[in-house]
Amino acid sequence: MESAAETTGTNYIALLDVPEEKIEILPGASSDLTSVTFSIKEEDHTLGNALRWAIMQNPQVDFCGYSIPHPSEAKMNVRIQTTERSNAVDAMNKGLDDLKMVCAMTKAKLAQRLEERDYARTD
């Protein structure tokens, strides 16, 4: 069997067994979707803390927290509660979009600084 790196021509390993349903809404969501718990498969604290931060920047969000139910389970739960003027699904989408934007801006700034050679050096 070929590895992901061999089939894509890249030098990083992609997830070979990405679940079909990466994210789902767990039972118990409010009928107006202002209070929802999402389960995100194959993710951990790396995404959890950054996503929680991005979602909490939204003034329509009253609460956002995440947990890893058990170390042997490859999933993360994210709980979002919003004001009545919004819903948790929109807050999750905005948080994901905002986090992608932060990552793109960070990557661009790093590339700029490397090109300008504007960084400290230690010998």
PDB file of N, CA and C in Angstrom:
ATOM      1  N   MET A   1       0.841  -1.189   0.000  1.00  0.00           N
ATOM      2  CA  MET A   1       0.000   0.000   0.000  1.00  0.00           C
ATOM      3  C   MET A   1       0.883   1.248   0.000  1.00  0.00           C
ATOM      4  N   GLU A   2       0.556   2.216  -0.857  1.00  0.00           N
ATOM      5  CA  GLU A   2       1.329   3.446  -0.904  1.00  0.00           C
ATOM      6  C   GLU A   2       0.970   4.344   0.256  1.00  0.00           C
ATOM      7  N   SER A   3       1.940   5.102   0.732  1.00  0.00           N
ATOM      8  CA  SER A   3       1.661   6.057   1.797  1.00  0.00           C
ATOM      9  C   SER A   3       1.042   7.312   1.204  1.00  0.00           C
ATOM     10  N   ALA A   4       0.459   8.126   2.067  1.00  0.00           N
ATOM     11  CA  ALA A   4      -0.146   9.378   1.622  1.00  0.00           C
ATOM     12  C   ALA A   4       0.907  10.273   0.974  1.00  0.00           C
ATOM     13  N   ALA A   5       2.120  10.267   1.515  1.00  0.00           N
ATOM     14  CA  ALA A   5       3.188  11.091   0.963  1.00  0.00           C
ATOM     15  C   ALA A   5       3.547  10.638  -0.448  1.00  0.00           C
ATOM     16  N   GLU A   6       3.531   9.315  -0.683  1.00  0.00           N
ATOM     17  CA  GLU A   6       3.870   8.800  -2.000  1.00  0.00           C
ATOM     18  C   GLU A   6       2.782   9.112  -3.026  1.00  0.00           C
ATOM     19  N   THR A   7       1.512   9.034  -2.615  1.00  0.00           N
ATOM     20  CA  THR A   7       0.423   9.250  -3.564  1.00  0.00           C
ATOM     21  C   THR A   7       0.189  10.717  -3.867  1.00  0.00           C
ATOM     22  N   THR A   8       0.496  11.613  -2.933  1.00  0.00           N
ATOM     23  CA  THR A   8       0.254  13.036  -3.173  1.00  0.00           C
ATOM     24  C   THR A   8       1.507  13.774  -3.593  1.00  0.00           C
ATOM     25  N   GLY A   9       2.663  13.144  -3.488  1.00  0.00           N
ATOM     26  CA  GLY A   9       3.899  13.794  -3.864  1.00  0.00           C
ATOM     27  C   GLY A   9       4.383  14.817  -2.844  1.00  0.00           C
ATOM     28  N   THR A  10       3.835  14.786  -1.662  1.00  0.00           N
ATOM     29  CA  THR A  10       4.255  15.717  -0.621  1.00  0.00           C
ATOM     30  C   THR A  10       5.135  14.982   0.373  1.00  0.00           C
ATOM     31  N   ASN A  11       5.778  15.743   1.246  1.00  0.00           N
ATOM     32  CA  ASN A  11       6.632  15.116   2.246  1.00  0.00           C
ATOM     33  C   ASN A  11       6.016  15.243   3.639  1.00  0.00           C
ATOM     34  N   TYR A  12       4.715  15.185   3.738  1.00  0.00           N
ATOM     35  CA  TYR A  12       4.050  15.115   5.027  1.00  0.00           C
ATOM     36  C   TYR A  12       3.050  13.970   4.983  1.00  0.00           C
ATOM     37  N   ILE A  13       2.679  13.506   6.143  1.00  0.00           N
ATOM     38  CA  ILE A  13       1.757  12.380   6.216  1.00  0.00           C
ATOM     39  C   ILE A  13       0.348  12.915   6.425  1.00  0.00           C
ATOM     40  N   ALA A  14      -0.547  12.614   5.510  1.00  0.00           N
ATOM     41  CA  ALA A  14      -1.951  13.011   5.635  1.00  0.00           C
ATOM     42  C   ALA A  14      -2.697  11.925   6.398  1.00  0.00           C
ATOM     43  N   LEU A  15      -3.812  12.298   6.990  1.00  0.00           N
ATOM     44  CA  LEU A  15      -4.634  11.292   7.660  1.00  0.00           C
ATOM     45  C   LEU A  15      -5.220  10.358   6.616  1.00  0.00           C
ATOM     46  N   LEU A  16      -4.996   9.072   6.799  1.00  0.00           N
ATOM     47  CA  LEU A  16      -5.515   8.106   5.837  1.00  0.00           C
ATOM     48  C   LEU A  16      -6.947   7.707   6.154  1.00  0.00           C
ATOM     49  N   ASP A  17      -7.323   7.730   7.418  1.00  0.00           N
ATOM     50  CA  ASP A  17      -8.646   7.285   7.822  1.00  0.00           C
ATOM     51  C   ASP A  17      -9.458   8.431   8.413  1.00  0.00           C
ATOM     52  N   VAL A  18      -9.680   9.481   7.631  1.00  0.00           N
ATOM     53  CA  VAL A  18     -10.485  10.610   8.101  1.00  0.00           C
ATOM     54  C   VAL A  18     -11.939  10.162   8.105  1.00  0.00           C
ATOM     55  N   PRO A  19     -12.625  10.312   9.241  1.00  0.00           N
ATOM     56  CA  PRO A  19     -14.023   9.886   9.294  1.00  0.00           C
ATOM     57  C   PRO A  19     -14.882  10.676   8.320  1.00  0.00           C
ATOM     58  N   GLU A  20     -15.912  10.026   7.783  1.00  0.00           N
ATOM     59  CA  GLU A  20     -16.822  10.712   6.863  1.00  0.00           C
ATOM     60  C   GLU A  20     -17.481  11.902   7.533  1.00  0.00           C
ATOM     61  N   GLU A  21     -17.944  11.709   8.743  1.00  0.00           N
ATOM     62  CA  GLU A  21     -18.587  12.785   9.491  1.00  0.00           C
ATOM     63  C   GLU A  21     -17.583  13.345  10.488  1.00  0.00           C
ATOM     64  N   LYS A  22     -16.876  14.388  10.109  1.00  0.00           N
ATOM     65  CA  LYS A  22     -15.842  14.992  10.959  1.00  0.00           C
ATOM     66  C   LYS A  22     -16.457  15.686  12.171  1.00  0.00           C
ATOM     67  N   ILE A  23     -17.624  16.314  11.977  1.00  0.00           N
ATOM     68  CA  ILE A  23     -18.253  17.070  13.054  1.00  0.00           C
ATOM     69  C   ILE A  23     -19.736  16.727  13.095  1.00  0.00           C
ATOM     70  N   GLU A  24     -20.246  16.594  14.318  1.00  0.00           N
ATOM     71  CA  GLU A  24     -21.670  16.312  14.467  1.00  0.00           C
ATOM     72  C   GLU A  24     -22.218  17.045  15.680  1.00  0.00           C
ATOM     73  N   ILE A  25     -23.521  17.262  15.671  1.00  0.00           N
ATOM     74  CA  ILE A  25     -24.196  17.874  16.809  1.00  0.00           C
ATOM     75  C   ILE A  25     -24.676  16.744  17.713  1.00  0.00           C
ATOM     76  N   LEU A  26     -24.303  16.816  18.974  1.00  0.00           N
ATOM     77  CA  LEU A  26     -24.702  15.780  19.932  1.00  0.00           C
ATOM     78  C   LEU A  26     -26.142  16.002  20.395  1.00  0.00           C
ATOM     79  N   PRO A  27     -26.804  14.943  20.822  1.00  0.00           N
ATOM     80  CA  PRO A  27     -28.166  15.079  21.348  1.00  0.00           C
ATOM     81  C   PRO A  27     -28.199  16.052  22.523  1.00  0.00           C
ATOM     82  N   GLY A  28     -29.314  16.765  22.657  1.00  0.00           N
ATOM     83  CA  GLY A  28     -29.467  17.700  23.762  1.00  0.00           C
ATOM     84  C   GLY A  28     -29.365  19.157  23.350  1.00  0.00           C
ATOM     85  N   ALA A  29     -29.204  19.406  22.050  1.00  0.00           N
ATOM     86  CA  ALA A  29     -29.135  20.792  21.577  1.00  0.00           C
ATOM     87  C   ALA A  29     -30.490  21.453  21.770  1.00  0.00           C
ATOM     88  N   SER A  30     -30.480  22.749  22.058  1.00  0.00           N
ATOM     89  CA  SER A  30     -31.742  23.479  22.202  1.00  0.00           C
ATOM     90  C   SER A  30     -32.435  23.561  20.841  1.00  0.00           C
ATOM     91  N   SER A  31     -33.751  23.686  20.858  1.00  0.00           N
ATOM     92  CA  SER A  31     -34.516  23.689  19.607  1.00  0.00           C
ATOM     93  C   SER A  31     -34.168  24.883  18.713  1.00  0.00           C
ATOM     94  N   ASP A  32     -33.778  26.007  19.313  1.00  0.00           N
ATOM     95  CA  ASP A  32     -33.400  27.186  18.524  1.00  0.00           C
ATOM     96  C   ASP A  32     -31.897  27.222  18.217  1.00  0.00           C
ATOM     97  N   LEU A  33     -31.181  26.185  18.600  1.00  0.00           N
ATOM     98  CA  LEU A  33     -29.737  26.013  18.364  1.00  0.00           C
ATOM     99  C   LEU A  33     -28.870  27.094  19.013  1.00  0.00           C
ATOM    100  N   THR A  34     -29.370  27.725  20.067  1.00  0.00           N
ATOM    101  CA  THR A  34     -28.527  28.688  20.792  1.00  0.00           C
ATOM    102  C   THR A  34     -27.594  27.986  21.765  1.00  0.00           C
ATOM    103  N   SER A  35     -27.840  26.717  22.018  1.00  0.00           N
ATOM    104  CA  SER A  35     -27.008  25.942  22.934  1.00  0.00           C
ATOM    105  C   SER A  35     -26.768  24.564  22.319  1.00  0.00           C
ATOM    106  N   VAL A  36     -25.532  24.330  21.888  1.00  0.00           N
ATOM    107  CA  VAL A  36     -25.215  23.107  21.140  1.00  0.00           C
ATOM    108  C   VAL A  36     -23.866  22.567  21.590  1.00  0.00           C
ATOM    109  N   THR A  37     -23.768  21.241  21.652  1.00  0.00           N
ATOM    110  CA  THR A  37     -22.481  20.580  21.844  1.00  0.00           C
ATOM    111  C   THR A  37     -22.125  19.859  20.552  1.00  0.00           C
ATOM    112  N   PHE A  38     -20.966  20.199  20.004  1.00  0.00           N
ATOM    113  CA  PHE A  38     -20.456  19.572  18.788  1.00  0.00           C
ATOM    114  C   PHE A  38     -19.421  18.532  19.175  1.00  0.00           C
ATOM    115  N   SER A  39     -19.369  17.456  18.429  1.00  0.00           N
ATOM    116  CA  SER A  39     -18.305  16.474  18.587  1.00  0.00           C
ATOM    117  C   SER A  39     -17.476  16.511  17.311  1.00  0.00           C
ATOM    118  N   ILE A  40     -16.179  16.742  17.469  1.00  0.00           N
ATOM    119  CA  ILE A  40     -15.274  16.825  16.326  1.00  0.00           C
ATOM    120  C   ILE A  40     -14.296  15.661  16.425  1.00  0.00           C
ATOM    121  N   LYS A  41     -14.310  14.813  15.422  1.00  0.00           N
ATOM    122  CA  LYS A  41     -13.480  13.609  15.432  1.00  0.00           C
ATOM    123  C   LYS A  41     -12.052  13.909  15.002  1.00  0.00           C
ATOM    124  N   GLU A  42     -11.130  13.144  15.551  1.00  0.00           N
ATOM    125  CA  GLU A  42      -9.700  13.195  15.209  1.00  0.00           C
ATOM    126  C   GLU A  42      -9.059  14.536  15.535  1.00  0.00           C
ATOM    127  N   GLU A  43      -9.532  15.208  16.588  1.00  0.00           N
ATOM    128  CA  GLU A  43      -8.929  16.473  17.002  1.00  0.00           C
ATOM    129  C   GLU A  43      -8.669  16.446  18.496  1.00  0.00           C
ATOM    130  N   ASP A  44      -7.809  17.361  18.963  1.00  0.00           N
ATOM    131  CA  ASP A  44      -7.444  17.383  20.370  1.00  0.00           C
ATOM    132  C   ASP A  44      -7.233  18.819  20.839  1.00  0.00           C
ATOM    133  N   HIS A  45      -6.433  19.000  21.878  1.00  0.00           N
ATOM    134  CA  HIS A  45      -6.217  20.317  22.477  1.00  0.00           C
ATOM    135  C   HIS A  45      -5.602  21.324  21.501  1.00  0.00           C
ATOM    136  N   THR A  46      -4.859  20.846  20.518  1.00  0.00           N
ATOM    137  CA  THR A  46      -4.218  21.750  19.560  1.00  0.00           C
ATOM    138  C   THR A  46      -5.268  22.620  18.876  1.00  0.00           C
ATOM    139  N   LEU A  47      -6.305  22.012  18.371  1.00  0.00           N
ATOM    140  CA  LEU A  47      -7.386  22.772  17.753  1.00  0.00           C
ATOM    141  C   LEU A  47      -8.341  23.314  18.807  1.00  0.00           C
ATOM    142  N   GLY A  48      -8.595  22.552  19.850  1.00  0.00           N
ATOM    143  CA  GLY A  48      -9.604  22.917  20.841  1.00  0.00           C
ATOM    144  C   GLY A  48      -9.390  24.277  21.475  1.00  0.00           C
ATOM    145  N   ASN A  49      -8.208  24.538  21.965  1.00  0.00           N
ATOM    146  CA  ASN A  49      -7.961  25.799  22.647  1.00  0.00           C
ATOM    147  C   ASN A  49      -7.999  26.971  21.676  1.00  0.00           C
ATOM    148  N   ALA A  50      -7.415  26.810  20.495  1.00  0.00           N
ATOM    149  CA  ALA A  50      -7.422  27.884  19.502  1.00  0.00           C
ATOM    150  C   ALA A  50      -8.845  28.165  19.013  1.00  0.00           C
ATOM    151  N   LEU A  51      -9.621  27.117  18.780  1.00  0.00           N
ATOM    152  CA  LEU A  51     -11.000  27.292  18.319  1.00  0.00           C
ATOM    153  C   LEU A  51     -11.856  27.940  19.399  1.00  0.00           C
ATOM    154  N   ARG A  52     -11.682  27.530  20.634  1.00  0.00           N
ATOM    155  CA  ARG A  52     -12.423  28.143  21.740  1.00  0.00           C
ATOM    156  C   ARG A  52     -12.121  29.638  21.806  1.00  0.00           C
ATOM    157  N   TRP A  53     -10.843  30.003  21.667  1.00  0.00           N
ATOM    158  CA  TRP A  53     -10.464  31.407  21.683  1.00  0.00           C
ATOM    159  C   TRP A  53     -11.145  32.170  20.547  1.00  0.00           C
ATOM    160  N   ALA A  54     -11.093  31.621  19.328  1.00  0.00           N
ATOM    161  CA  ALA A  54     -11.676  32.295  18.169  1.00  0.00           C
ATOM    162  C   ALA A  54     -13.184  32.466  18.333  1.00  0.00           C
ATOM    163  N   ILE A  55     -13.861  31.456  18.830  1.00  0.00           N
ATOM    164  CA  ILE A  55     -15.317  31.529  19.006  1.00  0.00           C
ATOM    165  C   ILE A  55     -15.671  32.559  20.069  1.00  0.00           C
ATOM    166  N   MET A  56     -14.884  32.641  21.138  1.00  0.00           N
ATOM    167  CA  MET A  56     -15.178  33.592  22.215  1.00  0.00           C
ATOM    168  C   MET A  56     -14.960  35.048  21.804  1.00  0.00           C
ATOM    169  N   GLN A  57     -14.314  35.301  20.673  1.00  0.00           N
ATOM    170  CA  GLN A  57     -14.149  36.665  20.184  1.00  0.00           C
ATOM    171  C   GLN A  57     -15.466  37.218  19.630  1.00  0.00           C
ATOM    172  N   ASN A  58     -16.406  36.339  19.338  1.00  0.00           N
ATOM    173  CA  ASN A  58     -17.707  36.722  18.789  1.00  0.00           C
ATOM    174  C   ASN A  58     -18.582  37.282  19.917  1.00  0.00           C
ATOM    175  N   PRO A  59     -19.044  38.526  19.819  1.00  0.00           N
ATOM    176  CA  PRO A  59     -19.859  39.111  20.895  1.00  0.00           C
ATOM    177  C   PRO A  59     -21.225  38.437  21.062  1.00  0.00           C
ATOM    178  N   GLN A  60     -21.649  37.645  20.082  1.00  0.00           N
ATOM    179  CA  GLN A  60     -22.925  36.924  20.181  1.00  0.00           C
ATOM    180  C   GLN A  60     -22.797  35.617  20.981  1.00  0.00           C
ATOM    181  N   VAL A  61     -21.578  35.265  21.383  1.00  0.00           N
ATOM    182  CA  VAL A  61     -21.335  34.020  22.112  1.00  0.00           C
ATOM    183  C   VAL A  61     -21.240  34.322  23.604  1.00  0.00           C
ATOM    184  N   ASP A  62     -22.091  33.636  24.384  1.00  0.00           N
ATOM    185  CA  ASP A  62     -22.070  33.776  25.843  1.00  0.00           C
ATOM    186  C   ASP A  62     -21.068  32.824  26.491  1.00  0.00           C
ATOM    187  N   PHE A  63     -20.909  31.633  25.913  1.00  0.00           N
ATOM    188  CA  PHE A  63     -20.034  30.619  26.495  1.00  0.00           C
ATOM    189  C   PHE A  63     -19.497  29.719  25.399  1.00  0.00           C
ATOM    190  N   CYS A  64     -18.243  29.343  25.517  1.00  0.00           N
ATOM    191  CA  CYS A  64     -17.655  28.322  24.655  1.00  0.00           C
ATOM    192  C   CYS A  64     -16.595  27.590  25.474  1.00  0.00           C
ATOM    193  N   GLY A  65     -16.680  26.296  25.487  1.00  0.00           N
ATOM    194  CA  GLY A  65     -15.690  25.474  26.166  1.00  0.00           C
ATOM    195  C   GLY A  65     -15.511  24.175  25.403  1.00  0.00           C
ATOM    196  N   TYR A  66     -14.390  23.537  25.607  1.00  0.00           N
ATOM    197  CA  TYR A  66     -14.167  22.253  24.937  1.00  0.00           C
ATOM    198  C   TYR A  66     -13.640  21.252  25.939  1.00  0.00           C
ATOM    199  N   SER A  67     -13.804  19.991  25.617  1.00  0.00           N
ATOM    200  CA  SER A  67     -13.259  18.921  26.453  1.00  0.00           C
ATOM    201  C   SER A  67     -12.876  17.743  25.574  1.00  0.00           C
ATOM    202  N   ILE A  68     -11.937  16.984  26.077  1.00  0.00           N
ATOM    203  CA  ILE A  68     -11.563  15.715  25.465  1.00  0.00           C
ATOM    204  C   ILE A  68     -12.166  14.658  26.379  1.00  0.00           C
ATOM    205  N   PRO A  69     -13.231  13.973  25.927  1.00  0.00           N
ATOM    206  CA  PRO A  69     -13.940  13.061  26.829  1.00  0.00           C
ATOM    207  C   PRO A  69     -13.054  11.996  27.475  1.00  0.00           C
ATOM    208  N   HIS A  70     -12.155  11.413  26.701  1.00  0.00           N
ATOM    209  CA  HIS A  70     -11.255  10.393  27.232  1.00  0.00           C
ATOM    210  C   HIS A  70     -10.032  10.312  26.325  1.00  0.00           C
ATOM    211  N   PRO A  71      -8.837  10.161  26.895  1.00  0.00           N
ATOM    212  CA  PRO A  71      -7.618  10.126  26.070  1.00  0.00           C
ATOM    213  C   PRO A  71      -7.608   9.023  25.009  1.00  0.00           C
ATOM    214  N   SER A  72      -8.337   7.946  25.244  1.00  0.00           N
ATOM    215  CA  SER A  72      -8.334   6.859  24.264  1.00  0.00           C
ATOM    216  C   SER A  72      -9.355   7.073  23.141  1.00  0.00           C
ATOM    217  N   GLU A  73     -10.193   8.108  23.259  1.00  0.00           N
ATOM    218  CA  GLU A  73     -11.145   8.428  22.203  1.00  0.00           C
ATOM    219  C   GLU A  73     -10.596   9.585  21.385  1.00  0.00           C
ATOM    220  N   ALA A  74     -10.559   9.416  20.084  1.00  0.00           N
ATOM    221  CA  ALA A  74     -10.023  10.467  19.211  1.00  0.00           C
ATOM    222  C   ALA A  74     -11.137  11.443  18.846  1.00  0.00           C
ATOM    223  N   LYS A  75     -11.587  12.208  19.852  1.00  0.00           N
ATOM    224  CA  LYS A  75     -12.596  13.224  19.575  1.00  0.00           C
ATOM    225  C   LYS A  75     -12.537  14.319  20.626  1.00  0.00           C
ATOM    226  N   MET A  76     -13.133  15.442  20.259  1.00  0.00           N
ATOM    227  CA  MET A  76     -13.175  16.615  21.115  1.00  0.00           C
ATOM    228  C   MET A  76     -14.612  17.123  21.080  1.00  0.00           C
ATOM    229  N   ASN A  77     -15.128  17.521  22.239  1.00  0.00           N
ATOM    230  CA  ASN A  77     -16.459  18.114  22.306  1.00  0.00           C
ATOM    231  C   ASN A  77     -16.323  19.616  22.523  1.00  0.00           C
ATOM    232  N   VAL A  78     -17.106  20.386  21.779  1.00  0.00           N
ATOM    233  CA  VAL A  78     -17.112  21.847  21.898  1.00  0.00           C
ATOM    234  C   VAL A  78     -18.539  22.275  22.219  1.00  0.00           C
ATOM    235  N   ARG A  79     -18.702  22.965  23.338  1.00  0.00           N
ATOM    236  CA  ARG A  79     -20.012  23.466  23.766  1.00  0.00           C
ATOM    237  C   ARG A  79     -20.066  24.963  23.490  1.00  0.00           C
ATOM    238  N   ILE A  80     -21.121  25.393  22.794  1.00  0.00           N
ATOM    239  CA  ILE A  80     -21.301  26.806  22.475  1.00  0.00           C
ATOM    240  C   ILE A  80     -22.701  27.227  22.907  1.00  0.00           C
ATOM    241  N   GLN A  81     -22.774  28.357  23.607  1.00  0.00           N
ATOM    242  CA  GLN A  81     -24.053  28.969  23.961  1.00  0.00           C
ATOM    243  C   GLN A  81     -24.012  30.406  23.459  1.00  0.00           C
ATOM    244  N   THR A  82     -25.057  30.791  22.734  1.00  0.00           N
ATOM    245  CA  THR A  82     -25.098  32.118  22.132  1.00  0.00           C
ATOM    246  C   THR A  82     -26.286  32.920  22.668  1.00  0.00           C
ATOM    247  N   THR A  83     -26.300  34.187  22.304  1.00  0.00           N
ATOM    248  CA  THR A  83     -27.458  35.025  22.615  1.00  0.00           C
ATOM    249  C   THR A  83     -28.610  34.590  21.713  1.00  0.00           C
ATOM    250  N   GLU A  84     -29.785  35.130  21.969  1.00  0.00           N
ATOM    251  CA  GLU A  84     -30.949  34.769  21.155  1.00  0.00           C
ATOM    252  C   GLU A  84     -30.862  35.325  19.737  1.00  0.00           C
ATOM    253  N   ARG A  85     -29.971  36.270  19.496  1.00  0.00           N
ATOM    254  CA  ARG A  85     -29.837  36.869  18.167  1.00  0.00           C
ATOM    255  C   ARG A  85     -28.965  36.039  17.223  1.00  0.00           C
ATOM    256  N   SER A  86     -28.402  34.957  17.702  1.00  0.00           N
ATOM    257  CA  SER A  86     -27.515  34.138  16.892  1.00  0.00           C
ATOM    258  C   SER A  86     -27.780  32.670  17.208  1.00  0.00           C
ATOM    259  N   ASN A  87     -26.985  31.783  16.628  1.00  0.00           N
ATOM    260  CA  ASN A  87     -27.080  30.371  16.999  1.00  0.00           C
ATOM    261  C   ASN A  87     -25.684  29.755  16.993  1.00  0.00           C
ATOM    262  N   ALA A  88     -25.564  28.615  17.617  1.00  0.00           N
ATOM    263  CA  ALA A  88     -24.256  27.986  17.815  1.00  0.00           C
ATOM    264  C   ALA A  88     -23.637  27.480  16.516  1.00  0.00           C
ATOM    265  N   VAL A  89     -24.464  27.088  15.561  1.00  0.00           N
ATOM    266  CA  VAL A  89     -23.926  26.611  14.280  1.00  0.00           C
ATOM    267  C   VAL A  89     -23.231  27.763  13.555  1.00  0.00           C
ATOM    268  N   ASP A  90     -23.885  28.930  13.523  1.00  0.00           N
ATOM    269  CA  ASP A  90     -23.255  30.106  12.903  1.00  0.00           C
ATOM    270  C   ASP A  90     -21.992  30.512  13.661  1.00  0.00           C
ATOM    271  N   ALA A  91     -22.029  30.426  14.987  1.00  0.00           N
ATOM    272  CA  ALA A  91     -20.861  30.776  15.799  1.00  0.00           C
ATOM    273  C   ALA A  91     -19.698  29.819  15.523  1.00  0.00           C
ATOM    274  N   MET A  92     -19.994  28.533  15.356  1.00  0.00           N
ATOM    275  CA  MET A  92     -18.946  27.554  15.037  1.00  0.00           C
ATOM    276  C   MET A  92     -18.347  27.865  13.668  1.00  0.00           C
ATOM    277  N   ASN A  93     -19.190  28.112  12.682  1.00  0.00           N
ATOM    278  CA  ASN A  93     -18.693  28.430  11.336  1.00  0.00           C
ATOM    279  C   ASN A  93     -17.844  29.691  11.342  1.00  0.00           C
ATOM    280  N   LYS A  94     -18.297  30.720  12.036  1.00  0.00           N
ATOM    281  CA  LYS A  94     -17.531  31.973  12.115  1.00  0.00           C
ATOM    282  C   LYS A  94     -16.203  31.737  12.833  1.00  0.00           C
ATOM    283  N   GLY A  95     -16.227  30.961  13.917  1.00  0.00           N
ATOM    284  CA  GLY A  95     -14.998  30.658  14.639  1.00  0.00           C
ATOM    285  C   GLY A  95     -13.985  29.926  13.775  1.00  0.00           C
ATOM    286  N   LEU A  96     -14.448  28.953  13.007  1.00  0.00           N
ATOM    287  CA  LEU A  96     -13.552  28.214  12.116  1.00  0.00           C
ATOM    288  C   LEU A  96     -12.987  29.129  11.037  1.00  0.00           C
ATOM    289  N   ASP A  97     -13.842  29.972  10.445  1.00  0.00           N
ATOM    290  CA  ASP A  97     -13.378  30.913   9.427  1.00  0.00           C
ATOM    291  C   ASP A  97     -12.369  31.904  10.011  1.00  0.00           C
ATOM    292  N   ASP A  98     -12.682  32.442  11.199  1.00  0.00           N
ATOM    293  CA  ASP A  98     -11.775  33.405  11.834  1.00  0.00           C
ATOM    294  C   ASP A  98     -10.433  32.767  12.164  1.00  0.00           C
ATOM    295  N   LEU A  99     -10.455  31.525  12.634  1.00  0.00           N
ATOM    296  CA  LEU A  99      -9.210  30.833  12.967  1.00  0.00           C
ATOM    297  C   LEU A  99      -8.371  30.589  11.711  1.00  0.00           C
ATOM    298  N   LYS A 100      -9.019  30.225  10.613  1.00  0.00           N
ATOM    299  CA  LYS A 100      -8.288  30.056   9.350  1.00  0.00           C
ATOM    300  C   LYS A 100      -7.647  31.368   8.924  1.00  0.00           C
ATOM    301  N   MET A 101      -8.355  32.483   9.112  1.00  0.00           N
ATOM    302  CA  MET A 101      -7.823  33.795   8.747  1.00  0.00           C
ATOM    303  C   MET A 101      -6.615  34.151   9.616  1.00  0.00           C
ATOM    304  N   VAL A 102      -6.705  33.880  10.921  1.00  0.00           N
ATOM    305  CA  VAL A 102      -5.575  34.150  11.819  1.00  0.00           C
ATOM    306  C   VAL A 102      -4.354  33.334  11.391  1.00  0.00           C
ATOM    307  N   CYS A 103      -4.564  32.073  11.054  1.00  0.00           N
ATOM    308  CA  CYS A 103      -3.445  31.222  10.622  1.00  0.00           C
ATOM    309  C   CYS A 103      -2.831  31.734   9.322  1.00  0.00           C
ATOM    310  N   ALA A 104      -3.666  32.149   8.372  1.00  0.00           N
ATOM    311  CA  ALA A 104      -3.160  32.675   7.098  1.00  0.00           C
ATOM    312  C   ALA A 104      -2.376  33.966   7.317  1.00  0.00           C
ATOM    313  N   MET A 105      -2.877  34.845   8.187  1.00  0.00           N
ATOM    314  CA  MET A 105      -2.176  36.103   8.463  1.00  0.00           C
ATOM    315  C   MET A 105      -0.843  35.839   9.162  1.00  0.00           C
ATOM    316  N   THR A 106      -0.829  34.889  10.082  1.00  0.00           N
ATOM    317  CA  THR A 106       0.411  34.538  10.783  1.00  0.00           C
ATOM    318  C   THR A 106       1.435  33.970   9.813  1.00  0.00           C
ATOM    319  N   LYS A 107       0.992  33.105   8.931  1.00  0.00           N
ATOM    320  CA  LYS A 107       1.880  32.515   7.938  1.00  0.00           C
ATOM    321  C   LYS A 107       2.444  33.585   7.008  1.00  0.00           C
ATOM    322  N   ALA A 108       1.598  34.516   6.566  1.00  0.00           N
ATOM    323  CA  ALA A 108       2.054  35.591   5.677  1.00  0.00           C
ATOM    324  C   ALA A 108       3.059  36.499   6.380  1.00  0.00           C
ATOM    325  N   LYS A 109       2.794  36.822   7.644  1.00  0.00           N
ATOM    326  CA  LYS A 109       3.703  37.696   8.400  1.00  0.00           C
ATOM    327  C   LYS A 109       5.058  37.006   8.612  1.00  0.00           C
ATOM    328  N   LEU A 110       5.022  35.714   8.904  1.00  0.00           N
ATOM    329  CA  LEU A 110       6.272  34.961   9.060  1.00  0.00           C
ATOM    330  C   LEU A 110       7.067  34.966   7.762  1.00  0.00           C
ATOM    331  N   ALA A 111       6.403  34.704   6.648  1.00  0.00           N
ATOM    332  CA  ALA A 111       7.090  34.696   5.352  1.00  0.00           C
ATOM    333  C   ALA A 111       7.698  36.061   5.052  1.00  0.00           C
ATOM    334  N   GLN A 112       6.948  37.135   5.363  1.00  0.00           N
ATOM    335  CA  GLN A 112       7.452  38.486   5.140  1.00  0.00           C
ATOM    336  C   GLN A 112       8.701  38.746   5.971  1.00  0.00           C
ATOM    337  N   ARG A 113       8.653  38.394   7.259  1.00  0.00           N
ATOM    338  CA  ARG A 113       9.797  38.623   8.138  1.00  0.00           C
ATOM    339  C   ARG A 113      11.008  37.795   7.712  1.00  0.00           C
ATOM    340  N   LEU A 114      10.770  36.572   7.258  1.00  0.00           N
ATOM    341  CA  LEU A 114      11.885  35.739   6.790  1.00  0.00           C
ATOM    342  C   LEU A 114      12.500  36.325   5.527  1.00  0.00           C
ATOM    343  N   GLU A 115      11.660  36.825   4.633  1.00  0.00           N
ATOM    344  CA  GLU A 115      12.155  37.428   3.400  1.00  0.00           C
ATOM    345  C   GLU A 115      12.963  38.692   3.695  1.00  0.00           C
ATOM    346  N   GLU A 116      12.486  39.490   4.649  1.00  0.00           N
ATOM    347  CA  GLU A 116      13.191  40.718   5.033  1.00  0.00           C
ATOM    348  C   GLU A 116      14.392  40.437   5.928  1.00  0.00           C
ATOM    349  N   ARG A 117      14.514  39.199   6.356  1.00  0.00           N
ATOM    350  CA  ARG A 117      15.545  38.773   7.307  1.00  0.00           C
ATOM    351  C   ARG A 117      15.442  39.584   8.597  1.00  0.00           C
ATOM    352  N   ASP A 118      14.201  39.883   8.971  1.00  0.00           N
ATOM    353  CA  ASP A 118      13.902  40.694  10.159  1.00  0.00           C
ATOM    354  C   ASP A 118      13.611  39.786  11.357  1.00  0.00           C
ATOM    355  N   TYR A 119      14.660  39.206  11.862  1.00  0.00           N
ATOM    356  CA  TYR A 119      14.517  38.323  13.008  1.00  0.00           C
ATOM    357  C   TYR A 119      15.821  38.285  13.789  1.00  0.00           C
ATOM    358  N   ALA A 120      15.720  37.937  15.041  1.00  0.00           N
ATOM    359  CA  ALA A 120      16.909  37.856  15.900  1.00  0.00           C
ATOM    360  C   ALA A 120      17.705  36.607  15.550  1.00  0.00           C
ATOM    361  N   ARG A 121      18.992  36.735  15.633  1.00  0.00           N
ATOM    362  CA  ARG A 121      19.875  35.593  15.388  1.00  0.00           C
ATOM    363  C   ARG A 121      20.694  35.311  16.624  1.00  0.00           C
ATOM    364  N   THR A 122      20.896  34.065  16.885  1.00  0.00           N
ATOM    365  CA  THR A 122      21.778  33.658  17.971  1.00  0.00           C
ATOM    366  C   THR A 122      22.913  32.848  17.391  1.00  0.00           C
ATOM    367  N   ASP A 123      24.090  33.127  17.833  1.00  0.00           N
ATOM    368  CA  ASP A 123      25.257  32.402  17.305  1.00  0.00           C
ATOM    369  C   ASP A 123      25.793  31.430  18.312  1.00  0.00           C
TER     370      ASP A 123
END
